[in-house]
Amino acid sequence: MATESAPDGTSLLEEVPSDELNAWRRGITPQAEIWNGRLAMLGLSVALVVLLIVRLFSSGFS
């Protein structure tokens, strides 16, 4: 992965130690973005499972 740098040579990306990736941090932080992605995938998975169950049970009664 290529890192982006500002015109003065400093890095624009914040480095996060691997032991802090699962930390629950408030605000706009890399940890918050990781948890946001995890919870979004969990919600999407639950929604798809519920939709599948509803379709399976509703198709048997029509």
N, C-alpha and C. Protein backbone atom coordinates (compact mmCIF):
# COMPACT_ATOMS: atom_id res chain seq x y z
N MET A 1 0.84 -1.17 0.00
CA MET A 1 0.00 0.00 0.00
C MET A 1 0.89 1.24 0.00
N ALA A 2 0.66 2.11 -0.92
CA ALA A 2 1.45 3.32 -1.00
C ALA A 2 0.94 4.34 0.02
N THR A 3 1.86 5.05 0.65
CA THR A 3 1.46 6.08 1.60
C THR A 3 1.50 7.43 0.92
N GLU A 4 0.53 8.25 1.25
CA GLU A 4 0.48 9.59 0.69
C GLU A 4 1.29 10.52 1.57
N SER A 5 1.87 11.54 0.96
CA SER A 5 2.62 12.50 1.77
C SER A 5 2.23 13.91 1.36
N ALA A 6 2.32 14.79 2.33
CA ALA A 6 2.03 16.20 2.11
C ALA A 6 3.19 16.83 1.36
N PRO A 7 3.00 18.03 0.82
CA PRO A 7 4.10 18.69 0.10
C PRO A 7 5.35 18.90 0.94
N ASP A 8 5.21 19.01 2.26
CA ASP A 8 6.39 19.20 3.10
C ASP A 8 7.06 17.89 3.49
N GLY A 9 6.57 16.76 2.97
CA GLY A 9 7.19 15.46 3.19
C GLY A 9 6.63 14.68 4.36
N THR A 10 5.71 15.26 5.12
CA THR A 10 5.12 14.53 6.24
C THR A 10 4.02 13.61 5.73
N SER A 11 3.74 12.58 6.49
CA SER A 11 2.73 11.60 6.09
C SER A 11 1.33 12.10 6.41
N LEU A 12 0.37 11.88 5.51
CA LEU A 12 -1.02 12.26 5.74
C LEU A 12 -1.79 11.16 6.47
N LEU A 13 -1.25 9.96 6.51
CA LEU A 13 -1.92 8.84 7.14
C LEU A 13 -1.43 8.67 8.57
N GLU A 14 -2.36 8.41 9.47
CA GLU A 14 -1.99 8.21 10.87
C GLU A 14 -1.66 6.74 11.09
N GLU A 15 -0.48 6.47 11.61
CA GLU A 15 -0.07 5.10 11.89
C GLU A 15 -0.71 4.65 13.20
N VAL A 16 -1.31 3.48 13.20
CA VAL A 16 -1.96 2.94 14.39
C VAL A 16 -1.28 1.63 14.76
N PRO A 17 -0.80 1.51 15.98
CA PRO A 17 -0.19 0.24 16.40
C PRO A 17 -1.22 -0.88 16.36
N SER A 18 -0.76 -2.08 16.06
CA SER A 18 -1.69 -3.20 15.88
C SER A 18 -2.44 -3.54 17.17
N ASP A 19 -1.87 -3.26 18.34
CA ASP A 19 -2.57 -3.57 19.58
C ASP A 19 -3.71 -2.59 19.86
N GLU A 20 -3.77 -1.47 19.16
CA GLU A 20 -4.83 -0.50 19.38
C GLU A 20 -5.94 -0.58 18.33
N LEU A 21 -5.86 -1.49 17.39
CA LEU A 21 -6.88 -1.54 16.34
C LEU A 21 -8.25 -1.90 16.89
N ASN A 22 -8.32 -2.67 17.97
CA ASN A 22 -9.61 -3.05 18.54
C ASN A 22 -10.05 -2.14 19.67
N ALA A 23 -9.32 -1.09 19.96
CA ALA A 23 -9.70 -0.16 21.02
C ALA A 23 -10.97 0.58 20.63
N TRP A 24 -11.81 0.84 21.62
CA TRP A 24 -13.06 1.56 21.37
C TRP A 24 -12.78 3.04 21.61
N ARG A 25 -12.51 3.78 20.54
CA ARG A 25 -12.19 5.20 20.62
C ARG A 25 -13.33 6.02 20.04
N ARG A 26 -13.63 7.12 20.70
CA ARG A 26 -14.68 8.01 20.21
C ARG A 26 -14.09 9.05 19.27
N GLY A 27 -14.93 9.60 18.40
CA GLY A 27 -14.48 10.62 17.47
C GLY A 27 -14.10 10.02 16.13
N ILE A 28 -13.52 10.83 15.30
CA ILE A 28 -13.10 10.38 13.97
C ILE A 28 -11.68 9.84 14.10
N THR A 29 -11.59 8.55 14.37
CA THR A 29 -10.30 7.89 14.55
C THR A 29 -10.27 6.64 13.68
N PRO A 30 -9.09 6.12 13.40
CA PRO A 30 -9.02 4.87 12.65
C PRO A 30 -9.76 3.73 13.34
N GLN A 31 -9.72 3.69 14.68
CA GLN A 31 -10.41 2.65 15.42
C GLN A 31 -11.92 2.76 15.22
N ALA A 32 -12.45 3.98 15.22
CA ALA A 32 -13.87 4.17 15.01
C ALA A 32 -14.29 3.72 13.61
N GLU A 33 -13.45 3.96 12.64
CA GLU A 33 -13.76 3.54 11.27
C GLU A 33 -13.74 2.01 11.15
N ILE A 34 -12.82 1.36 11.84
CA ILE A 34 -12.77 -0.10 11.82
C ILE A 34 -14.05 -0.66 12.44
N TRP A 35 -14.46 -0.13 13.61
CA TRP A 35 -15.68 -0.63 14.26
C TRP A 35 -16.91 -0.30 13.43
N ASN A 36 -16.92 0.85 12.75
CA ASN A 36 -18.03 1.19 11.89
C ASN A 36 -18.18 0.16 10.77
N GLY A 37 -17.10 -0.23 10.16
CA GLY A 37 -17.13 -1.24 9.10
C GLY A 37 -17.57 -2.59 9.62
N ARG A 38 -17.08 -2.98 10.78
CA ARG A 38 -17.47 -4.27 11.36
C ARG A 38 -18.96 -4.31 11.67
N LEU A 39 -19.47 -3.25 12.31
CA LEU A 39 -20.89 -3.23 12.67
C LEU A 39 -21.78 -3.11 11.44
N ALA A 40 -21.31 -2.43 10.40
CA ALA A 40 -22.08 -2.35 9.17
C ALA A 40 -22.20 -3.72 8.51
N MET A 41 -21.11 -4.47 8.48
CA MET A 41 -21.16 -5.82 7.90
C MET A 41 -22.03 -6.75 8.74
N LEU A 42 -22.00 -6.59 10.06
CA LEU A 42 -22.86 -7.39 10.92
C LEU A 42 -24.32 -7.08 10.64
N GLY A 43 -24.67 -5.81 10.52
CA GLY A 43 -26.05 -5.42 10.21
C GLY A 43 -26.49 -5.92 8.85
N LEU A 44 -25.62 -5.84 7.88
CA LEU A 44 -25.95 -6.33 6.54
C LEU A 44 -26.16 -7.84 6.55
N SER A 45 -25.31 -8.56 7.27
CA SER A 45 -25.45 -10.01 7.35
C SER A 45 -26.75 -10.41 8.04
N VAL A 46 -27.09 -9.74 9.13
CA VAL A 46 -28.34 -10.04 9.84
C VAL A 46 -29.54 -9.74 8.95
N ALA A 47 -29.50 -8.63 8.24
CA ALA A 47 -30.60 -8.28 7.34
C ALA A 47 -30.79 -9.32 6.24
N LEU A 48 -29.69 -9.80 5.67
CA LEU A 48 -29.79 -10.82 4.62
C LEU A 48 -30.32 -12.14 5.15
N VAL A 49 -29.91 -12.52 6.35
CA VAL A 49 -30.41 -13.76 6.95
C VAL A 49 -31.90 -13.64 7.24
N VAL A 50 -32.33 -12.51 7.78
CA VAL A 50 -33.76 -12.30 8.05
C VAL A 50 -34.55 -12.33 6.74
N LEU A 51 -34.05 -11.70 5.71
CA LEU A 51 -34.73 -11.71 4.41
C LEU A 51 -34.83 -13.12 3.86
N LEU A 52 -33.78 -13.90 3.98
CA LEU A 52 -33.79 -15.28 3.51
C LEU A 52 -34.81 -16.11 4.28
N ILE A 53 -34.85 -15.96 5.59
CA ILE A 53 -35.81 -16.71 6.41
C ILE A 53 -37.24 -16.33 6.07
N VAL A 54 -37.50 -15.05 5.89
CA VAL A 54 -38.85 -14.59 5.54
C VAL A 54 -39.26 -15.15 4.18
N ARG A 55 -38.36 -15.12 3.22
CA ARG A 55 -38.70 -15.64 1.88
C ARG A 55 -38.92 -17.15 1.91
N LEU A 56 -38.15 -17.88 2.70
CA LEU A 56 -38.31 -19.33 2.77
C LEU A 56 -39.66 -19.70 3.37
N PHE A 57 -40.05 -19.02 4.44
CA PHE A 57 -41.30 -19.35 5.11
C PHE A 57 -42.53 -18.80 4.39
N SER A 58 -42.38 -17.65 3.71
CA SER A 58 -43.54 -17.09 3.01
C SER A 58 -43.82 -17.81 1.68
N SER A 59 -42.82 -18.42 1.06
CA SER A 59 -43.05 -19.11 -0.20
C SER A 59 -43.80 -20.42 0.02
N GLY A 60 -43.71 -21.01 1.19
CA GLY A 60 -44.40 -22.26 1.47
C GLY A 60 -45.90 -22.09 1.68
N PHE A 61 -46.34 -20.86 2.03
CA PHE A 61 -47.75 -20.63 2.34
C PHE A 61 -48.54 -20.10 1.15
N SER A 62 -47.90 -19.73 0.05
CA SER A 62 -48.66 -19.18 -1.07
C SER A 62 -49.09 -20.26 -2.04
